[in-house]
Structures are given as structure tokens and as C-alpha cells.
Amino acid sequence: MGRYALLFLLALGVTLLPVEAWAQGCAMCKAVAQGEGVFGGEQAIGRGLNRGILFLMAVPYLLLFLLFRKRIVGFFKEFAGAQG
């Protein structure tokens, strides 16, 4: 199995995990989620906040990877070829 196929399967596996398994929230979002929920109860608001936080966190990392992917790949190639 190729390296890219393995990486794709790993990313797919992480993506398919339930949101509750790896979602976290800030203190302010937690306070809002624990308050009296109006739109579908507390669970719906908390779930939506956690998903929104995850999307907001993912975008900068994706942008950085897309902008600097040549440098990142070059660094790993240089690191793999280094002797020491």
C-alpha cells in the first residue's frame, strides 16, 4: 500500500470519528452551551459550538499546509537523507 493511500486512510479514519470523541470547546463557549438552550436544547447548541470550533481550527492549518507544502516536503526529504 502506498504512502499516500495510508495517509488518506488515516485522515478518513480520523474524519469518521464521532465529534464528541475529539471535540473541545473554550470556556466561553462552554458557558453558553451550559445555559438554558433555546434552539433544540443544550445538547444541540453544544454540539454545534464544538463543530464550529473544529472547523475554525482546521482552516489555518490547511492554509499553512497548502502555502508551505513544498518547504515541508523538502524539509522531510532533507531530514530523511541526513546522516548523524
N, C-alpha and C. Protein backbone atom coordinates (compact mmCIF):
# COMPACT_ATOMS: atom_id res chain seq x y z
N MET A 1 0.85 -1.17 0.00
CA MET A 1 0.00 0.00 0.00
C MET A 1 0.90 1.24 0.00
N GLY A 2 0.57 2.17 -0.83
CA GLY A 2 1.37 3.38 -0.96
C GLY A 2 1.27 4.28 0.25
N ARG A 3 2.24 5.16 0.36
CA ARG A 3 2.28 6.08 1.49
C ARG A 3 1.08 7.03 1.48
N TYR A 4 0.72 7.48 0.27
CA TYR A 4 -0.41 8.40 0.17
C TYR A 4 -1.74 7.71 0.48
N ALA A 5 -1.85 6.44 0.09
CA ALA A 5 -3.07 5.69 0.40
C ALA A 5 -3.21 5.50 1.90
N LEU A 6 -2.10 5.21 2.57
CA LEU A 6 -2.12 5.04 4.02
C LEU A 6 -2.47 6.34 4.72
N LEU A 7 -1.90 7.43 4.24
CA LEU A 7 -2.20 8.75 4.80
C LEU A 7 -3.67 9.11 4.59
N PHE A 8 -4.19 8.80 3.41
CA PHE A 8 -5.60 9.06 3.12
C PHE A 8 -6.50 8.24 4.04
N LEU A 9 -6.18 6.97 4.25
CA LEU A 9 -6.99 6.13 5.12
C LEU A 9 -6.95 6.63 6.56
N LEU A 10 -5.78 7.08 6.99
CA LEU A 10 -5.66 7.63 8.34
C LEU A 10 -6.51 8.89 8.49
N ALA A 11 -6.44 9.79 7.51
CA ALA A 11 -7.24 11.01 7.55
C ALA A 11 -8.73 10.69 7.51
N LEU A 12 -9.11 9.72 6.71
CA LEU A 12 -10.51 9.31 6.63
C LEU A 12 -10.98 8.73 7.96
N GLY A 13 -10.13 7.93 8.59
CA GLY A 13 -10.48 7.35 9.88
C GLY A 13 -10.69 8.41 10.95
N VAL A 14 -9.82 9.41 10.98
CA VAL A 14 -9.96 10.50 11.96
C VAL A 14 -11.22 11.30 11.66
N THR A 15 -11.51 11.50 10.38
CA THR A 15 -12.68 12.27 10.00
C THR A 15 -13.97 11.56 10.42
N LEU A 16 -13.98 10.25 10.38
CA LEU A 16 -15.19 9.50 10.69
C LEU A 16 -15.40 9.25 12.19
N LEU A 17 -14.44 9.67 13.02
CA LEU A 17 -14.64 9.54 14.45
C LEU A 17 -15.81 10.41 14.89
N PRO A 18 -16.54 10.00 15.91
CA PRO A 18 -17.61 10.86 16.40
C PRO A 18 -17.04 12.17 16.93
N VAL A 19 -17.77 13.24 16.71
CA VAL A 19 -17.30 14.57 17.09
C VAL A 19 -17.04 14.64 18.59
N GLU A 20 -17.84 13.96 19.38
CA GLU A 20 -17.69 14.01 20.83
C GLU A 20 -16.37 13.39 21.28
N ALA A 21 -15.77 12.54 20.47
CA ALA A 21 -14.53 11.87 20.85
C ALA A 21 -13.34 12.81 20.83
N TRP A 22 -13.34 13.84 20.00
CA TRP A 22 -12.17 14.70 19.88
C TRP A 22 -12.49 16.18 19.81
N ALA A 23 -13.71 16.56 20.09
CA ALA A 23 -14.08 17.98 20.05
C ALA A 23 -13.89 18.59 21.43
N GLN A 24 -13.37 19.79 21.45
CA GLN A 24 -13.20 20.54 22.70
C GLN A 24 -13.76 21.94 22.48
N GLY A 25 -13.99 22.64 23.54
CA GLY A 25 -14.53 23.99 23.42
C GLY A 25 -13.84 24.94 24.39
N CYS A 26 -13.92 26.21 24.10
CA CYS A 26 -13.33 27.21 25.00
C CYS A 26 -14.27 27.42 26.19
N ALA A 27 -13.79 28.14 27.19
CA ALA A 27 -14.58 28.35 28.41
C ALA A 27 -15.85 29.15 28.12
N MET A 28 -15.75 30.13 27.25
CA MET A 28 -16.91 30.96 26.97
C MET A 28 -17.98 30.15 26.21
N CYS A 29 -17.53 29.35 25.26
CA CYS A 29 -18.47 28.51 24.52
C CYS A 29 -19.13 27.49 25.45
N LYS A 30 -18.35 26.98 26.39
CA LYS A 30 -18.90 26.02 27.34
C LYS A 30 -19.97 26.68 28.21
N ALA A 31 -19.75 27.92 28.63
CA ALA A 31 -20.73 28.63 29.45
C ALA A 31 -22.02 28.85 28.67
N VAL A 32 -21.89 29.18 27.38
CA VAL A 32 -23.09 29.37 26.55
C VAL A 32 -23.82 28.05 26.38
N ALA A 33 -23.06 26.98 26.17
CA ALA A 33 -23.68 25.68 25.94
C ALA A 33 -24.37 25.15 27.19
N GLN A 34 -23.87 25.50 28.37
CA GLN A 34 -24.47 25.01 29.61
C GLN A 34 -25.66 25.85 30.06
N GLY A 35 -25.86 27.00 29.43
CA GLY A 35 -27.01 27.84 29.77
C GLY A 35 -28.29 27.21 29.26
N GLU A 36 -29.39 27.88 29.51
CA GLU A 36 -30.68 27.38 29.04
C GLU A 36 -30.72 27.44 27.53
N GLY A 37 -30.79 26.28 26.91
CA GLY A 37 -30.82 26.22 25.45
C GLY A 37 -32.18 26.56 24.89
N VAL A 38 -32.23 27.35 23.86
CA VAL A 38 -33.47 27.73 23.23
C VAL A 38 -33.66 26.97 21.92
N PHE A 39 -32.58 26.80 21.17
CA PHE A 39 -32.66 26.19 19.86
C PHE A 39 -32.35 24.71 19.91
N GLY A 40 -33.27 23.90 20.33
CA GLY A 40 -33.09 22.46 20.34
C GLY A 40 -32.46 21.92 21.61
N GLY A 41 -32.37 22.70 22.65
CA GLY A 41 -31.83 22.23 23.92
C GLY A 41 -30.33 22.41 24.01
N GLU A 42 -29.80 22.06 25.18
CA GLU A 42 -28.39 22.24 25.46
C GLU A 42 -27.51 21.41 24.56
N GLN A 43 -27.89 20.18 24.30
CA GLN A 43 -27.03 19.30 23.52
C GLN A 43 -26.85 19.80 22.09
N ALA A 44 -27.91 20.31 21.48
CA ALA A 44 -27.81 20.80 20.11
C ALA A 44 -26.90 22.02 20.02
N ILE A 45 -26.99 22.92 20.99
CA ILE A 45 -26.15 24.11 20.98
C ILE A 45 -24.69 23.73 21.22
N GLY A 46 -24.44 22.88 22.18
CA GLY A 46 -23.07 22.45 22.48
C GLY A 46 -22.44 21.71 21.32
N ARG A 47 -23.20 20.85 20.68
CA ARG A 47 -22.69 20.10 19.53
C ARG A 47 -22.35 21.04 18.39
N GLY A 48 -23.20 22.02 18.16
CA GLY A 48 -22.95 22.98 17.10
C GLY A 48 -21.74 23.85 17.39
N LEU A 49 -21.58 24.26 18.65
CA LEU A 49 -20.42 25.06 19.03
C LEU A 49 -19.12 24.28 18.84
N ASN A 50 -19.11 23.02 19.26
CA ASN A 50 -17.90 22.21 19.12
C ASN A 50 -17.55 21.99 17.66
N ARG A 51 -18.52 21.75 16.84
CA ARG A 51 -18.23 21.56 15.40
C ARG A 51 -17.72 22.85 14.78
N GLY A 52 -18.30 23.98 15.17
CA GLY A 52 -17.83 25.25 14.65
C GLY A 52 -16.40 25.55 15.05
N ILE A 53 -16.05 25.22 16.28
CA ILE A 53 -14.68 25.42 16.75
C ILE A 53 -13.72 24.55 15.96
N LEU A 54 -14.11 23.31 15.70
CA LEU A 54 -13.24 22.42 14.94
C LEU A 54 -13.01 22.94 13.53
N PHE A 55 -14.04 23.43 12.89
CA PHE A 55 -13.87 23.98 11.55
C PHE A 55 -12.98 25.22 11.57
N LEU A 56 -13.17 26.07 12.58
CA LEU A 56 -12.34 27.28 12.68
C LEU A 56 -10.88 26.93 12.95
N MET A 57 -10.63 25.86 13.69
CA MET A 57 -9.26 25.45 13.96
C MET A 57 -8.61 24.81 12.75
N ALA A 58 -9.36 24.12 11.93
CA ALA A 58 -8.80 23.37 10.81
C ALA A 58 -8.36 24.29 9.67
N VAL A 59 -9.04 25.37 9.45
CA VAL A 59 -8.76 26.23 8.29
C VAL A 59 -7.35 26.80 8.31
N PRO A 60 -6.84 27.37 9.41
CA PRO A 60 -5.47 27.89 9.37
C PRO A 60 -4.43 26.81 9.07
N TYR A 61 -4.60 25.62 9.64
CA TYR A 61 -3.64 24.55 9.38
C TYR A 61 -3.68 24.12 7.92
N LEU A 62 -4.85 24.04 7.34
CA LEU A 62 -4.94 23.68 5.93
C LEU A 62 -4.31 24.75 5.04
N LEU A 63 -4.55 26.01 5.36
CA LEU A 63 -3.96 27.10 4.58
C LEU A 63 -2.43 27.10 4.69
N LEU A 64 -1.92 26.92 5.90
CA LEU A 64 -0.48 26.87 6.07
C LEU A 64 0.13 25.70 5.32
N PHE A 65 -0.53 24.55 5.37
CA PHE A 65 -0.01 23.40 4.64
C PHE A 65 -0.02 23.66 3.14
N LEU A 66 -1.09 24.22 2.62
CA LEU A 66 -1.15 24.49 1.18
C LEU A 66 -0.12 25.52 0.75
N LEU A 67 0.13 26.52 1.58
CA LEU A 67 1.09 27.56 1.22
C LEU A 67 2.54 27.09 1.33
N PHE A 68 2.83 26.23 2.29
CA PHE A 68 4.20 25.84 2.56
C PHE A 68 4.47 24.36 2.30
N ARG A 69 3.67 23.70 1.49
CA ARG A 69 3.84 22.26 1.29
C ARG A 69 5.17 21.92 0.64
N LYS A 70 5.69 22.75 -0.26
CA LYS A 70 6.98 22.45 -0.88
C LYS A 70 8.11 22.52 0.15
N ARG A 71 8.06 23.50 1.03
CA ARG A 71 9.08 23.59 2.08
C ARG A 71 8.96 22.45 3.07
N ILE A 72 7.73 22.07 3.40
CA ILE A 72 7.51 20.98 4.34
C ILE A 72 8.04 19.67 3.76
N VAL A 73 7.71 19.39 2.51
CA VAL A 73 8.17 18.16 1.86
C VAL A 73 9.69 18.18 1.73
N GLY A 74 10.26 19.34 1.37
CA GLY A 74 11.71 19.47 1.26
C GLY A 74 12.40 19.24 2.59
N PHE A 75 11.80 19.73 3.66
CA PHE A 75 12.38 19.53 4.99
C PHE A 75 12.40 18.05 5.34
N PHE A 76 11.33 17.35 5.09
CA PHE A 76 11.29 15.93 5.43
C PHE A 76 12.22 15.12 4.56
N LYS A 77 12.37 15.49 3.30
CA LYS A 77 13.33 14.80 2.44
C LYS A 77 14.76 15.03 2.94
N GLU A 78 15.07 16.26 3.31
CA GLU A 78 16.40 16.58 3.82
C GLU A 78 16.65 15.86 5.14
N PHE A 79 15.64 15.82 5.98
CA PHE A 79 15.76 15.16 7.27
C PHE A 79 15.98 13.66 7.11
N ALA A 80 15.27 13.06 6.14
CA ALA A 80 15.41 11.62 5.90
C ALA A 80 16.79 11.29 5.32
N GLY A 81 17.37 12.18 4.55
CA GLY A 81 18.67 11.93 3.94
C GLY A 81 19.85 12.33 4.81
N ALA A 82 19.59 12.95 5.94
CA ALA A 82 20.67 13.41 6.82
C ALA A 82 21.34 12.22 7.52
N GLN A 83 22.61 12.36 7.71
CA GLN A 83 23.36 11.33 8.42
C GLN A 83 23.81 11.90 9.76
N GLY A 84 23.75 11.07 10.76
CA GLY A 84 24.20 11.60 12.03
C GLY A 84 23.87 10.80 13.20
